[in-house]
Amino acid sequence: MAILMACEPVCWPLGGGVILGILAIAGVVFSVVMLIDCLKRPARKFPNPLTKNGEYDKLIWAAVIVLSLFGGQIGLFHIRWSYFLGAIVYFFVVKQAKTKKAEKKD
């Protein structure tokens, strides 16, 4: 990210603002897709339960994704580009774990 900040807009073929804007939109879309996946997933299908019997896992993951998505807006995070961090963690911990378990069954 520091390289992106240090590089002047002359370095970018389309201009730094356009590329960063596209990345920002892609991050928000990815976060929304992961939030929809989290809300549609039955509670018993969350791997590695965070709570006893996994009864609150859906609520916890939805809160993580939503807080990371809006955290920068309400002042929770002071890190630029942190809005899709919760979605990335959800993707690797929940979504990829499901895929790996399905592969082991075959």
Protein backbone atom coordinates (compact mmCIF):
# COMPACT_ATOMS: atom_id res chain seq x y z
CA MET A 1 0.00 0.00 0.00
CA ALA A 2 2.91 2.33 0.71
CA ILE A 3 4.05 1.86 -2.87
CA LEU A 4 0.63 2.92 -4.10
CA MET A 5 0.76 6.03 -1.93
CA ALA A 6 4.33 6.96 -2.92
CA CYS A 7 3.68 6.60 -6.64
CA GLU A 8 2.45 9.78 -8.22
CA PRO A 9 -0.63 9.70 -10.48
CA VAL A 10 1.69 9.90 -13.50
CA CYS A 11 2.66 6.25 -12.76
CA TRP A 12 -0.88 5.02 -13.36
CA PRO A 13 -2.17 4.61 -16.90
CA LEU A 14 -5.70 5.61 -15.91
CA GLY A 15 -4.79 7.82 -12.98
CA GLY A 16 -4.45 6.72 -9.36
CA GLY A 17 -7.95 7.79 -8.39
CA VAL A 18 -9.67 5.58 -10.93
CA ILE A 19 -7.73 2.44 -10.00
CA LEU A 20 -8.12 3.02 -6.27
CA GLY A 21 -11.82 3.71 -6.81
CA ILE A 22 -12.24 0.42 -8.66
CA LEU A 23 -10.42 -1.42 -5.85
CA ALA A 24 -12.63 0.28 -3.26
CA ILE A 25 -15.81 -0.72 -5.08
CA ALA A 26 -14.53 -4.29 -5.47
CA GLY A 27 -13.78 -4.42 -1.73
CA VAL A 28 -17.28 -3.26 -0.83
CA VAL A 29 -18.88 -5.74 -3.26
CA PHE A 30 -16.74 -8.55 -1.81
CA SER A 31 -17.79 -7.55 1.73
CA VAL A 32 -21.48 -7.54 0.79
CA VAL A 33 -21.18 -10.95 -0.90
CA MET A 34 -19.48 -12.41 2.20
CA LEU A 35 -22.15 -10.84 4.45
CA ILE A 36 -24.91 -12.42 2.34
CA ASP A 37 -23.12 -15.78 2.50
CA CYS A 38 -22.84 -15.45 6.27
CA LEU A 39 -26.51 -14.60 6.73
CA LYS A 40 -27.72 -17.41 4.43
CA ARG A 41 -25.47 -20.09 5.94
CA PRO A 42 -27.19 -22.31 8.54
CA ALA A 43 -25.65 -22.09 12.02
CA ARG A 44 -24.60 -25.75 12.00
CA LYS A 45 -22.50 -25.23 8.83
CA PHE A 46 -20.01 -22.83 10.42
CA PRO A 47 -16.70 -24.68 10.83
CA ASN A 48 -14.60 -24.12 13.96
CA PRO A 49 -17.38 -22.86 16.25
CA LEU A 50 -16.54 -19.71 18.19
CA THR A 51 -19.21 -20.23 20.85
CA LYS A 52 -20.63 -23.24 22.65
CA ASN A 53 -22.49 -25.35 20.09
CA GLY A 54 -21.92 -22.58 17.51
CA GLU A 55 -25.24 -20.94 18.33
CA TYR A 56 -23.99 -17.35 18.03
CA ASP A 57 -21.43 -17.80 15.24
CA LYS A 58 -23.65 -16.28 12.56
CA LEU A 59 -24.22 -13.19 14.71
CA ILE A 60 -20.52 -12.83 15.53
CA TRP A 61 -19.35 -13.18 11.90
CA ALA A 62 -22.05 -10.80 10.64
CA ALA A 63 -21.00 -8.25 13.27
CA VAL A 64 -17.33 -8.62 12.29
CA ILE A 65 -18.10 -8.05 8.61
CA VAL A 66 -20.46 -5.12 9.23
CA LEU A 67 -18.16 -3.43 11.77
CA SER A 68 -15.19 -3.72 9.45
CA LEU A 69 -17.29 -2.44 6.55
CA PHE A 70 -18.52 0.62 8.45
CA GLY A 71 -15.73 0.89 11.05
CA GLY A 72 -13.80 3.49 9.12
CA GLN A 73 -16.95 5.55 8.67
CA ILE A 74 -17.75 5.75 12.39
CA GLY A 75 -14.15 6.11 13.58
CA LEU A 76 -13.47 2.61 14.91
CA PHE A 77 -10.50 2.04 12.64
CA HIS A 78 -7.87 4.49 11.55
CA ILE A 79 -6.39 2.17 8.95
CA ARG A 80 -7.13 2.97 5.34
CA TRP A 81 -8.64 0.04 3.41
CA SER A 82 -9.75 -1.74 6.60
CA TYR A 83 -13.37 -1.92 5.44
CA PHE A 84 -13.02 -5.32 3.79
CA LEU A 85 -10.74 -6.87 6.42
CA GLY A 86 -13.61 -8.72 8.16
CA ALA A 87 -14.80 -10.15 4.84
CA ILE A 88 -11.30 -11.42 4.02
CA VAL A 89 -10.98 -13.10 7.43
CA TYR A 90 -14.46 -14.65 7.00
CA PHE A 91 -13.51 -15.88 3.53
CA PHE A 92 -10.41 -17.72 4.70
CA VAL A 93 -11.74 -19.01 8.05
CA VAL A 94 -15.28 -20.04 7.10
CA LYS A 95 -15.66 -20.18 3.32
CA GLN A 96 -12.33 -21.90 2.58
CA ALA A 97 -12.66 -24.29 5.53
CA LYS A 98 -15.94 -25.52 4.05
CA THR A 99 -14.25 -26.15 0.71
CA LYS A 100 -11.37 -28.06 2.32
CA LYS A 101 -13.76 -30.28 4.30
CA ALA A 102 -15.73 -31.06 1.14
CA GLU A 103 -12.50 -32.07 -0.65
CA LYS A 104 -11.50 -34.40 2.22
CA LYS A 105 -14.84 -36.26 1.99
CA ASP A 106 -14.25 -37.12 -1.68
